[in-house]
Amino acid sequence: MDLVDYYDNNEKFRVFKDIVFGLTEESSRPCLGDFFPLLGFLDSRGARARTKDRHDKLYAVINGAMEERIRLRDSKGDYSGEYNDAVDFLLDLVHEESSEFDRHDVLDLLMDLFVASIDTTSSTLEWAMAELMHSPTKLHKVREELQQSLGKNGEVEESHISKLPYLNAIVKETLRLHPPTPLPVPRKANDDVELGGFTVPKNAQILINVWSMGRDSEIWVNPNSFEPERFLDSEIDFKGTNFELIPFGSGRRICPGLPLASRTLSFMLGSLLYHFNWKIANDMNPEDIDMSFSHGLTLHKAQPLLLVPIKV
């Protein structure tokens, strides 16, 4: 399953992107059953039908890509993992003796990975680049840190990330201002609870507004300003133990992709900033970048960020 095919083929990529974005958009639409459970069987806006249609289309795309990989493996008797990626690993598990993992499990897992991780990670990366282009002094500062740490002809490695405090601070500040999912997975109260003078009844569905928490003036100084410096001398992290910053949730239902996302975000952002200079398309001034966002399960920029890379 070579995703490069989808990026090289504009039509394939457009269809794939539209399906994934459509699924996240439908997931965020208000549903009558959420407010009146007795009416949950109604689909007044056709959301259930549209979601099922997009789900089936995405399933077909991923299933077709997997079929291509299986045919490639079968056509080479000495196939030893030409791609050596996660799909190869999962297919090897399926074919192990006494394995309880079958092909449908692989498809379901890949569906979760594509919908839950690719969209949120790419959106966060876009916000980080937008904030840096909007603040040239901070862009210059992080590029200086990268060049001092790696030299002029180095390569960004995962082992370097822990030695780049300002880059890590930028990732934290981006997740504070632009959490990928402003309303993470809902919780449910196991018992009646008194909280802040309010009674939360048993079995009530609870939504935590991490977007609002990240912009609360009682928690953060200058909450609406992009200031990575606030994290340079702070022990606050986003791994679920500091409740003022929980873009991935916390507790037993914390996002299982947090370890991968945290490493991937820093690595990708560092690589983009180290290997390229960036210019805003159409000769736009930094202060003119549209920083508004669109509403949805994932917090996207209302207007895509258009940049021109210049090889260093």
C-alpha atoms as a PDB file:
ATOM      1  CA  MET A   1       0.000   0.000   0.000  1.00  0.00           C
ATOM      2  CA  ASP A   2       2.145   2.844  -1.261  1.00  0.00           C
ATOM      3  CA  LEU A   3       0.657   6.185  -0.244  1.00  0.00           C
ATOM      4  CA  VAL A   4       3.124   7.965  -2.517  1.00  0.00           C
ATOM      5  CA  ASP A   5       0.813   6.865  -5.340  1.00  0.00           C
ATOM      6  CA  TYR A   6      -1.944   8.984  -3.828  1.00  0.00           C
ATOM      7  CA  TYR A   7       0.231  12.101  -3.608  1.00  0.00           C
ATOM      8  CA  ASP A   8       1.654  11.640  -7.091  1.00  0.00           C
ATOM      9  CA  ASN A   9      -1.807  11.125  -8.546  1.00  0.00           C
ATOM     10  CA  ASN A  10      -3.705  14.374  -7.970  1.00  0.00           C
ATOM     11  CA  GLU A  11      -7.111  12.827  -8.635  1.00  0.00           C
ATOM     12  CA  LYS A  12      -6.523   9.913  -6.265  1.00  0.00           C
ATOM     13  CA  PHE A  13      -5.266  12.243  -3.572  1.00  0.00           C
ATOM     14  CA  ARG A  14      -8.176  14.651  -4.010  1.00  0.00           C
ATOM     15  CA  VAL A  15     -10.724  11.853  -3.632  1.00  0.00           C
ATOM     16  CA  PHE A  16      -8.885  10.408  -0.641  1.00  0.00           C
ATOM     17  CA  LYS A  17      -8.623  13.816   1.074  1.00  0.00           C
ATOM     18  CA  ASP A  18     -12.273  14.678   0.391  1.00  0.00           C
ATOM     19  CA  ILE A  19     -13.425  11.400   1.943  1.00  0.00           C
ATOM     20  CA  VAL A  20     -11.332  11.813   5.097  1.00  0.00           C
ATOM     21  CA  PHE A  21     -12.259  15.492   5.534  1.00  0.00           C
ATOM     22  CA  GLY A  22     -15.897  14.630   4.879  1.00  0.00           C
ATOM     23  CA  LEU A  23     -15.877  12.012   7.619  1.00  0.00           C
ATOM     24  CA  THR A  24     -14.437  14.411  10.189  1.00  0.00           C
ATOM     25  CA  GLU A  25     -16.910  17.098   9.146  1.00  0.00           C
ATOM     26  CA  GLU A  26     -19.904  14.788   9.512  1.00  0.00           C
ATOM     27  CA  SER A  27     -18.652  13.620  12.906  1.00  0.00           C
ATOM     28  CA  SER A  28     -18.866  17.183  14.208  1.00  0.00           C
ATOM     29  CA  ARG A  29     -22.401  17.968  13.009  1.00  0.00           C
ATOM     30  CA  PRO A  30     -25.069  18.246  15.732  1.00  0.00           C
ATOM     31  CA  CYS A  31     -27.288  15.176  15.888  1.00  0.00           C
ATOM     32  CA  LEU A  32     -30.844  15.225  17.234  1.00  0.00           C
ATOM     33  CA  GLY A  33     -30.169  12.024  19.151  1.00  0.00           C
ATOM     34  CA  ASP A  34     -27.349  13.726  21.083  1.00  0.00           C
ATOM     35  CA  PHE A  35     -29.847  16.119  22.686  1.00  0.00           C
ATOM     36  CA  PHE A  36     -32.957  13.934  22.689  1.00  0.00           C
ATOM     37  CA  PRO A  37     -31.912  10.262  22.959  1.00  0.00           C
ATOM     38  CA  LEU A  38     -35.470   9.033  22.355  1.00  0.00           C
ATOM     39  CA  LEU A  39     -35.264  10.556  18.856  1.00  0.00           C
ATOM     40  CA  GLY A  40     -31.898   9.000  18.099  1.00  0.00           C
ATOM     41  CA  PHE A  41     -33.408   6.718  15.471  1.00  0.00           C
ATOM     42  CA  LEU A  42     -34.241   9.755  13.304  1.00  0.00           C
ATOM     43  CA  ASP A  43     -31.749  10.907  10.688  1.00  0.00           C
ATOM     44  CA  SER A  44     -33.349  14.248   9.923  1.00  0.00           C
ATOM     45  CA  ARG A  45     -30.324  15.724   8.172  1.00  0.00           C
ATOM     46  CA  GLY A  46     -29.133  12.588   6.436  1.00  0.00           C
ATOM     47  CA  ALA A  47     -25.887  12.593   8.439  1.00  0.00           C
ATOM     48  CA  ARG A  48     -25.974   8.854   9.080  1.00  0.00           C
ATOM     49  CA  ALA A  49     -26.431   8.061   5.395  1.00  0.00           C
ATOM     50  CA  ARG A  50     -23.650  10.451   4.325  1.00  0.00           C
ATOM     51  CA  THR A  51     -21.275   9.098   6.961  1.00  0.00           C
ATOM     52  CA  LYS A  52     -21.930   5.507   5.893  1.00  0.00           C
ATOM     53  CA  ASP A  53     -21.385   6.423   2.248  1.00  0.00           C
ATOM     54  CA  ARG A  54     -18.018   8.084   3.005  1.00  0.00           C
ATOM     55  CA  HIS A  55     -17.005   5.253   5.314  1.00  0.00           C
ATOM     56  CA  ASP A  56     -17.718   2.698   2.580  1.00  0.00           C
ATOM     57  CA  LYS A  57     -15.747   4.727   0.033  1.00  0.00           C
ATOM     58  CA  LEU A  58     -12.724   5.030   2.309  1.00  0.00           C
ATOM     59  CA  TYR A  59     -12.911   1.327   3.117  1.00  0.00           C
ATOM     60  CA  ALA A  60     -12.914   0.563  -0.617  1.00  0.00           C
ATOM     61  CA  VAL A  61      -9.891   2.817  -1.227  1.00  0.00           C
ATOM     62  CA  ILE A  62      -7.845   1.228   1.556  1.00  0.00           C
ATOM     63  CA  ASN A  63      -8.976  -2.277   0.607  1.00  0.00           C
ATOM     64  CA  GLY A  64      -7.946  -1.656  -3.021  1.00  0.00           C
ATOM     65  CA  ALA A  65      -4.524  -0.389  -1.955  1.00  0.00           C
ATOM     66  CA  MET A  66      -4.064  -3.440   0.260  1.00  0.00           C
ATOM     67  CA  GLU A  67      -5.029  -5.724  -2.627  1.00  0.00           C
ATOM     68  CA  GLU A  68      -2.219  -4.148  -4.651  1.00  0.00           C
ATOM     69  CA  ARG A  69       0.271  -4.846  -1.878  1.00  0.00           C
ATOM     70  CA  ILE A  70      -0.903  -8.463  -1.501  1.00  0.00           C
ATOM     71  CA  ARG A  71      -0.587  -9.016  -5.266  1.00  0.00           C
ATOM     72  CA  LEU A  72       2.938  -7.621  -5.134  1.00  0.00           C
ATOM     73  CA  ARG A  73       3.872  -9.920  -2.282  1.00  0.00           C
ATOM     74  CA  ASP A  74       2.348 -12.952  -4.044  1.00  0.00           C
ATOM     75  CA  SER A  75       4.072 -12.167  -7.355  1.00  0.00           C
ATOM     76  CA  LYS A  76       7.522 -12.348  -5.753  1.00  0.00           C
ATOM     77  CA  GLY A  77       8.386 -15.689  -4.248  1.00  0.00           C
ATOM     78  CA  ASP A  78      11.380 -14.219  -2.458  1.00  0.00           C
ATOM     79  CA  TYR A  79       9.512 -11.113  -1.277  1.00  0.00           C
ATOM     80  CA  SER A  80      11.216  -9.981   1.912  1.00  0.00           C
ATOM     81  CA  GLY A  81       9.404  -6.748   2.576  1.00  0.00           C
ATOM     82  CA  GLU A  82      10.272  -4.416  -0.285  1.00  0.00           C
ATOM     83  CA  TYR A  83       8.599  -1.527   1.498  1.00  0.00           C
ATOM     84  CA  ASN A  84       9.281  -2.772   5.044  1.00  0.00           C
ATOM     85  CA  ASP A  85       6.485  -0.620   6.396  1.00  0.00           C
ATOM     86  CA  ALA A  86       3.570  -1.005   8.813  1.00  0.00           C
ATOM     87  CA  VAL A  87       1.375  -2.683   6.190  1.00  0.00           C
ATOM     88  CA  ASP A  88       3.982  -5.394   5.607  1.00  0.00           C
ATOM     89  CA  PHE A  89       4.249  -5.913   9.339  1.00  0.00           C
ATOM     90  CA  LEU A  90       0.457  -6.235   9.734  1.00  0.00           C
ATOM     91  CA  LEU A  91       0.149  -8.643   6.804  1.00  0.00           C
ATOM     92  CA  ASP A  92       2.947 -10.764   8.272  1.00  0.00           C
ATOM     93  CA  LEU A  93       0.951 -10.953  11.496  1.00  0.00           C
ATOM     94  CA  VAL A  94      -2.134 -12.127   9.612  1.00  0.00           C
ATOM     95  CA  HIS A  95      -0.205 -15.013   8.071  1.00  0.00           C
ATOM     96  CA  GLU A  96       1.396 -16.182  11.301  1.00  0.00           C
ATOM     97  CA  GLU A  97       0.251 -19.565  12.584  1.00  0.00           C
ATOM     98  CA  SER A  98      -2.423 -19.413  15.288  1.00  0.00           C
ATOM     99  CA  SER A  99      -2.814 -15.686  14.645  1.00  0.00           C
ATOM    100  CA  GLU A 100      -6.057 -14.143  15.865  1.00  0.00           C
ATOM    101  CA  PHE A 101      -5.450 -11.155  13.610  1.00  0.00           C
ATOM    102  CA  ASP A 102      -7.198 -11.262  10.232  1.00  0.00           C
ATOM    103  CA  ARG A 103      -7.416  -9.035   7.186  1.00  0.00           C
ATOM    104  CA  HIS A 104     -10.547  -7.255   8.407  1.00  0.00           C
ATOM    105  CA  ASP A 105      -8.687  -6.277  11.572  1.00  0.00           C
ATOM    106  CA  VAL A 106      -5.931  -4.750   9.424  1.00  0.00           C
ATOM    107  CA  LEU A 107      -8.452  -2.757   7.405  1.00  0.00           C
ATOM    108  CA  ASP A 108     -10.194  -1.475  10.536  1.00  0.00           C
ATOM    109  CA  LEU A 109      -6.859  -0.475  12.070  1.00  0.00           C
ATOM    110  CA  LEU A 110      -5.781   1.377   8.923  1.00  0.00           C
ATOM    111  CA  MET A 111      -9.138   3.163   8.816  1.00  0.00           C
ATOM    112  CA  ASP A 112      -8.558   4.427  12.354  1.00  0.00           C
ATOM    113  CA  LEU A 113      -4.993   5.477  11.530  1.00  0.00           C
ATOM    114  CA  PHE A 114      -5.967   7.447   8.440  1.00  0.00           C
ATOM    115  CA  VAL A 115      -8.990   9.207   9.895  1.00  0.00           C
ATOM    116  CA  ALA A 116      -7.674   9.839  13.408  1.00  0.00           C
ATOM    117  CA  SER A 117      -3.991  10.519  12.836  1.00  0.00           C
ATOM    118  CA  ILE A 118      -3.281  11.823   9.336  1.00  0.00           C
ATOM    119  CA  ASP A 119      -5.887  14.578   9.388  1.00  0.00           C
ATOM    120  CA  THR A 120      -5.047  15.801  12.898  1.00  0.00           C
ATOM    121  CA  THR A 121      -1.269  15.676  12.406  1.00  0.00           C
ATOM    122  CA  SER A 122      -1.316  17.518   9.075  1.00  0.00           C
ATOM    123  CA  SER A 123      -3.665  20.156  10.481  1.00  0.00           C
ATOM    124  CA  THR A 124      -1.407  20.793  13.507  1.00  0.00           C
ATOM    125  CA  LEU A 125       1.662  21.017  11.269  1.00  0.00           C
ATOM    126  CA  GLU A 126      -0.084  23.567   9.052  1.00  0.00           C
ATOM    127  CA  TRP A 127      -1.015  25.677  12.091  1.00  0.00           C
ATOM    128  CA  ALA A 128       2.584  25.587  13.357  1.00  0.00           C
ATOM    129  CA  MET A 129       3.914  26.789   9.994  1.00  0.00           C
ATOM    130  CA  ALA A 130       1.196  29.448   9.771  1.00  0.00           C
ATOM    131  CA  GLU A 131       2.034  30.816  13.235  1.00  0.00           C
ATOM    132  CA  LEU A 132       5.762  30.907  12.421  1.00  0.00           C
ATOM    133  CA  MET A 133       5.217  32.638   9.072  1.00  0.00           C
ATOM    134  CA  HIS A 134       2.936  35.056  10.880  1.00  0.00           C
ATOM    135  CA  SER A 135       5.753  35.734  13.403  1.00  0.00           C
ATOM    136  CA  PRO A 136       9.047  36.097  11.458  1.00  0.00           C
ATOM    137  CA  THR A 137      11.130  36.723  14.605  1.00  0.00           C
ATOM    138  CA  LYS A 138      10.080  33.357  16.051  1.00  0.00           C
ATOM    139  CA  LEU A 139      10.745  31.678  12.706  1.00  0.00           C
ATOM    140  CA  HIS A 140      14.258  33.137  12.697  1.00  0.00           C
ATOM    141  CA  LYS A 141      14.819  32.009  16.292  1.00  0.00           C
ATOM    142  CA  VAL A 142      13.907  28.365  15.669  1.00  0.00           C
ATOM    143  CA  ARG A 143      15.956  28.242  12.458  1.00  0.00           C
ATOM    144  CA  GLU A 144      18.946  29.561  14.399  1.00  0.00           C
ATOM    145  CA  GLU A 145      18.481  26.835  17.003  1.00  0.00           C
ATOM    146  CA  LEU A 146      18.377  24.150  14.312  1.00  0.00           C
ATOM    147  CA  GLN A 147      21.487  25.431  12.550  1.00  0.00           C
ATOM    148  CA  GLN A 148      23.464  25.784  15.773  1.00  0.00           C
ATOM    149  CA  SER A 149      22.530  22.269  16.853  1.00  0.00           C
ATOM    150  CA  LEU A 150      22.856  20.479  13.500  1.00  0.00           C
ATOM    151  CA  GLY A 151      25.338  22.599  11.580  1.00  0.00           C
ATOM    152  CA  LYS A 152      24.861  23.641   7.968  1.00  0.00           C
ATOM    153  CA  ASN A 153      24.858  20.249   6.216  1.00  0.00           C
ATOM    154  CA  GLY A 154      23.289  17.944   8.762  1.00  0.00           C
ATOM    155  CA  GLU A 155      20.144  15.852   8.834  1.00  0.00           C
ATOM    156  CA  VAL A 156      17.324  16.066  11.338  1.00  0.00           C
ATOM    157  CA  GLU A 157      17.211  12.820  13.324  1.00  0.00           C
ATOM    158  CA  GLU A 158      14.731  11.745  15.953  1.00  0.00           C
ATOM    159  CA  SER A 159      17.551  11.747  18.526  1.00  0.00           C
ATOM    160  CA  HIS A 160      18.027  15.502  17.943  1.00  0.00           C
ATOM    161  CA  ILE A 161      14.499  16.473  18.974  1.00  0.00           C
ATOM    162  CA  SER A 162      15.139  16.392  22.735  1.00  0.00           C
ATOM    163  CA  LYS A 163      18.020  18.834  22.220  1.00  0.00           C
ATOM    164  CA  LEU A 164      15.837  21.453  20.508  1.00  0.00           C
ATOM    165  CA  PRO A 165      13.899  23.174  23.324  1.00  0.00           C
ATOM    166  CA  TYR A 166      12.531  26.042  21.239  1.00  0.00           C
ATOM    167  CA  LEU A 167      11.234  23.687  18.541  1.00  0.00           C
ATOM    168  CA  ASN A 168       9.494  21.619  21.214  1.00  0.00           C
ATOM    169  CA  ALA A 169       8.074  24.784  22.763  1.00  0.00           C
ATOM    170  CA  ILE A 170       6.618  25.729  19.365  1.00  0.00           C
ATOM    171  CA  VAL A 171       4.862  22.359  19.137  1.00  0.00           C
ATOM    172  CA  LYS A 172       3.402  22.792  22.643  1.00  0.00           C
ATOM    173  CA  GLU A 173       2.260  26.335  21.925  1.00  0.00           C
ATOM    174  CA  THR A 174       0.643  25.232  18.657  1.00  0.00           C
ATOM    175  CA  LEU A 175      -1.236  22.449  20.449  1.00  0.00           C
ATOM    176  CA  ARG A 176      -2.367  24.954  23.099  1.00  0.00           C
ATOM    177  CA  LEU A 177      -3.744  27.478  20.612  1.00  0.00           C
ATOM    178  CA  HIS A 178      -4.865  24.992  17.954  1.00  0.00           C
ATOM    179  CA  PRO A 179      -5.681  21.604  19.508  1.00  0.00           C
ATOM    180  CA  PRO A 180      -6.319  19.162  16.645  1.00  0.00           C
ATOM    181  CA  THR A 181      -9.627  18.086  18.186  1.00  0.00           C
ATOM    182  CA  PRO A 182     -11.128  20.987  20.186  1.00  0.00           C
ATOM    183  CA  LEU A 183     -13.676  18.582  21.726  1.00  0.00           C
ATOM    184  CA  PRO A 184     -11.899  15.235  22.296  1.00  0.00           C
ATOM    185  CA  VAL A 185     -13.621  11.869  22.705  1.00  0.00           C
ATOM    186  CA  PRO A 186     -16.692  12.269  24.991  1.00  0.00           C
ATOM    187  CA  ARG A 187     -16.683  10.922  28.539  1.00  0.00           C
ATOM    188  CA  LYS A 188     -19.549   9.557  30.604  1.00  0.00           C
ATOM    189  CA  ALA A 189     -20.210  10.073  34.304  1.00  0.00           C
ATOM    190  CA  ASN A 190     -20.317   6.779  36.202  1.00  0.00           C
ATOM    191  CA  ASP A 191     -22.156   8.381  39.155  1.00  0.00           C
ATOM    192  CA  ASP A 192     -23.830  11.634  40.133  1.00  0.00           C
ATOM    193  CA  VAL A 193     -21.040  14.159  40.740  1.00  0.00           C
ATOM    194  CA  GLU A 194     -20.942  17.671  42.208  1.00  0.00           C
ATOM    195  CA  LEU A 195     -18.475  19.780  40.223  1.00  0.00           C
ATOM    196  CA  GLY A 196     -18.036  23.535  40.457  1.00  0.00           C
ATOM    197  CA  GLY A 197     -21.461  23.957  42.032  1.00  0.00           C
ATOM    198  CA  PHE A 198     -23.180  21.923  39.317  1.00  0.00           C
ATOM    199  CA  THR A 199     -24.588  18.416  39.459  1.00  0.00           C
ATOM    200  CA  VAL A 200     -23.388  16.111  36.697  1.00  0.00           C
ATOM    201  CA  PRO A 201     -25.939  13.285  36.567  1.00  0.00           C
ATOM    202  CA  LYS A 202     -24.983   9.658  36.165  1.00  0.00           C
ATOM    203  CA  ASN A 203     -24.594   8.534  32.521  1.00  0.00           C
ATOM    204  CA  ALA A 204     -24.403  12.151  31.282  1.00  0.00           C
ATOM    205  CA  GLN A 205     -22.211  12.630  28.212  1.00  0.00           C
ATOM    206  CA  ILE A 206     -19.365  15.024  28.984  1.00  0.00           C
ATOM    207  CA  LEU A 207     -17.413  17.042  26.416  1.00  0.00           C
ATOM    208  CA  ILE A 208     -14.157  18.727  27.479  1.00  0.00           C
ATOM    209  CA  ASN A 209     -13.506  21.980  25.605  1.00  0.00           C
ATOM    210  CA  VAL A 210      -9.699  21.921  25.372  1.00  0.00           C
ATOM    211  CA  TRP A 211      -9.770  24.789  22.843  1.00  0.00           C
ATOM    212  CA  SER A 212     -11.362  27.055  25.444  1.00  0.00           C
ATOM    213  CA  MET A 213      -8.962  25.834  28.149  1.00  0.00           C
ATOM    214  CA  GLY A 214      -6.005  26.774  25.961  1.00  0.00           C
ATOM    215  CA  ARG A 215      -7.292  30.348  25.674  1.00  0.00           C
ATOM    216  CA  ASP A 216      -8.389  30.842  29.283  1.00  0.00           C
ATOM    217  CA  SER A 217      -6.866  34.017  30.787  1.00  0.00           C
ATOM    218  CA  GLU A 218      -7.111  32.495  34.274  1.00  0.00           C
ATOM    219  CA  ILE A 219      -4.666  29.770  33.180  1.00  0.00           C
ATOM    220  CA  TRP A 220      -2.439  31.487  30.609  1.00  0.00           C
ATOM    221  CA  VAL A 221      -0.858  34.938  30.341  1.00  0.00           C
ATOM    222  CA  ASN A 222      -1.744  36.587  27.009  1.00  0.00           C
ATOM    223  CA  PRO A 223      -3.728  33.454  26.038  1.00  0.00           C
ATOM    224  CA  ASN A 224      -4.475  34.523  22.462  1.00  0.00           C
ATOM    225  CA  SER A 225      -0.843  35.283  21.573  1.00  0.00           C
ATOM    226  CA  PHE A 226       1.528  32.756  20.025  1.00  0.00           C
ATOM    227  CA  GLU A 227       4.361  32.750  22.560  1.00  0.00           C
ATOM    228  CA  PRO A 228       6.445  29.529  22.586  1.00  0.00           C
ATOM    229  CA  GLU A 229       8.722  31.171  25.152  1.00  0.00           C
ATOM    230  CA  ARG A 230       6.136  30.446  27.847  1.00  0.00           C
ATOM    231  CA  PHE A 231       7.180  26.773  27.711  1.00  0.00           C
ATOM    232  CA  LEU A 232      10.968  27.247  27.784  1.00  0.00           C
ATOM    233  CA  ASP A 233      11.196  27.376  31.592  1.00  0.00           C
ATOM    234  CA  SER A 234       8.093  25.308  32.239  1.00  0.00           C
ATOM    235  CA  GLU A 235       7.608  21.639  33.066  1.00  0.00           C
ATOM    236  CA  ILE A 236       4.134  21.660  31.505  1.00  0.00           C
ATOM    237  CA  ASP A 237       3.711  18.991  28.834  1.00  0.00           C
ATOM    238  CA  PHE A 238       0.805  17.660  26.774  1.00  0.00           C
ATOM    239  CA  LYS A 239       1.049  14.006  27.829  1.00  0.00           C
ATOM    240  CA  GLY A 240      -2.000  14.016  30.092  1.00  0.00           C
ATOM    241  CA  THR A 241      -0.588  14.880  33.506  1.00  0.00           C
ATOM    242  CA  ASN A 242      -0.850  18.687  33.249  1.00  0.00           C
ATOM    243  CA  PHE A 243      -4.549  19.389  32.956  1.00  0.00           C
ATOM    244  CA  GLU A 244      -4.109  22.917  31.623  1.00  0.00           C
ATOM    245  CA  LEU A 245      -2.744  21.371  28.397  1.00  0.00           C
ATOM    246  CA  ILE A 246      -4.487  18.154  27.342  1.00  0.00           C
ATOM    247  CA  PRO A 247      -4.936  18.288  23.532  1.00  0.00           C
ATOM    248  CA  PHE A 248      -4.720  14.467  23.456  1.00  0.00           C
ATOM    249  CA  GLY A 249      -6.991  13.948  26.438  1.00  0.00           C
ATOM    250  CA  SER A 250      -5.974  12.321  29.706  1.00  0.00           C
ATOM    251  CA  GLY A 251      -6.467   9.202  31.773  1.00  0.00           C
ATOM    252  CA  ARG A 252      -7.388   5.774  30.461  1.00  0.00           C
ATOM    253  CA  ARG A 253      -8.965   7.228  27.316  1.00  0.00           C
ATOM    254  CA  ILE A 254      -6.000   9.374  26.326  1.00  0.00           C
ATOM    255  CA  CYS A 255      -5.235   9.262  22.586  1.00  0.00           C
ATOM    256  CA  PRO A 256      -3.217   6.075  21.915  1.00  0.00           C
ATOM    257  CA  GLY A 257      -1.409   7.864  19.086  1.00  0.00           C
ATOM    258  CA  LEU A 258       0.130  10.490  21.402  1.00  0.00           C
ATOM    259  CA  PRO A 259       3.705   9.053  21.454  1.00  0.00           C
ATOM    260  CA  LEU A 260       3.821   8.765  17.662  1.00  0.00           C
ATOM    261  CA  ALA A 261       2.170  12.162  17.092  1.00  0.00           C
ATOM    262  CA  SER A 262       4.507  14.013  19.451  1.00  0.00           C
ATOM    263  CA  ARG A 263       7.637  12.629  17.768  1.00  0.00           C
ATOM    264  CA  THR A 264       6.236  13.009  14.259  1.00  0.00           C
ATOM    265  CA  LEU A 265       5.182  16.637  14.716  1.00  0.00           C
ATOM    266  CA  SER A 266       8.555  17.782  16.037  1.00  0.00           C
ATOM    267  CA  PHE A 267      10.475  15.760  13.455  1.00  0.00           C
ATOM    268  CA  MET A 268       8.429  16.978  10.470  1.00  0.00           C
ATOM    269  CA  LEU A 269       8.408  20.601  11.596  1.00  0.00           C
ATOM    270  CA  GLY A 270      12.143  20.549  12.286  1.00  0.00           C
ATOM    271  CA  SER A 271      12.876  18.992   8.887  1.00  0.00           C
ATOM    272  CA  LEU A 272      10.775  21.551   7.016  1.00  0.00           C
ATOM    273  CA  LEU A 273      12.425  24.469   8.810  1.00  0.00           C
ATOM    274  CA  TYR A 274      15.992  23.142   8.594  1.00  0.00           C
ATOM    275  CA  HIS A 275      16.107  22.122   4.942  1.00  0.00           C
ATOM    276  CA  PHE A 276      14.047  24.952   3.403  1.00  0.00           C
ATOM    277  CA  ASN A 277      13.513  28.658   3.566  1.00  0.00           C
ATOM    278  CA  TRP A 278       9.862  29.552   3.121  1.00  0.00           C
ATOM    279  CA  LYS A 279       8.144  32.376   1.295  1.00  0.00           C
ATOM    280  CA  ILE A 280       4.452  33.201   1.491  1.00  0.00           C
ATOM    281  CA  ALA A 281       2.790  32.701  -1.888  1.00  0.00           C
ATOM    282  CA  ASN A 282       1.483  35.651  -3.903  1.00  0.00           C
ATOM    283  CA  ASP A 283       3.931  38.028  -2.154  1.00  0.00           C
ATOM    284  CA  MET A 284       1.621  38.269   0.822  1.00  0.00           C
ATOM    285  CA  ASN A 285       2.822  40.035   3.966  1.00  0.00           C
ATOM    286  CA  PRO A 286       3.085  37.925   7.147  1.00  0.00           C
ATOM    287  CA  GLU A 287       0.501  40.042   8.971  1.00  0.00           C
ATOM    288  CA  ASP A 288      -2.010  39.386   6.172  1.00  0.00           C
ATOM    289  CA  ILE A 289      -2.104  35.576   6.653  1.00  0.00           C
ATOM    290  CA  ASP A 290      -5.656  34.471   7.389  1.00  0.00           C
ATOM    291  CA  MET A 291      -5.517  32.814  10.840  1.00  0.00           C
ATOM    292  CA  SER A 292      -9.230  32.038  11.099  1.00  0.00           C
ATOM    293  CA  PHE A 293     -10.358  28.436  11.445  1.00  0.00           C
ATOM    294  CA  SER A 294     -13.178  26.256  10.181  1.00  0.00           C
ATOM    295  CA  HIS A 295     -15.472  24.376  12.531  1.00  0.00           C
ATOM    296  CA  GLY A 296     -15.333  20.609  12.569  1.00  0.00           C
ATOM    297  CA  LEU A 297     -14.130  17.575  14.481  1.00  0.00           C
ATOM    298  CA  THR A 298     -10.607  18.676  13.471  1.00  0.00           C
ATOM    299  CA  LEU A 299      -9.601  22.325  13.718  1.00  0.00           C
ATOM    300  CA  HIS A 300      -8.533  23.259  10.165  1.00  0.00           C
ATOM    301  CA  LYS A 301      -7.467  26.648   8.863  1.00  0.00           C
ATOM    302  CA  ALA A 302     -10.347  28.322   7.063  1.00  0.00           C
ATOM    303  CA  GLN A 303      -7.973  29.215   4.229  1.00  0.00           C
ATOM    304  CA  PRO A 304      -5.138  26.777   3.393  1.00  0.00           C
ATOM    305  CA  LEU A 305      -1.623  28.057   4.003  1.00  0.00           C
ATOM    306  CA  LEU A 306       0.200  28.581   0.688  1.00  0.00           C
ATOM    307  CA  LEU A 307       3.998  28.633   0.955  1.00  0.00           C
ATOM    308  CA  VAL A 308       6.844  28.403  -1.545  1.00  0.00           C
ATOM    309  CA  PRO A 309       9.816  26.273  -0.414  1.00  0.00           C
ATOM    310  CA  ILE A 310      13.319  27.497  -1.217  1.00  0.00           C
ATOM    311  CA  LYS A 311      16.082  24.914  -0.873  1.00  0.00           C
ATOM    312  CA  VAL A 312      18.748  26.049   1.596  1.00  0.00           C
END
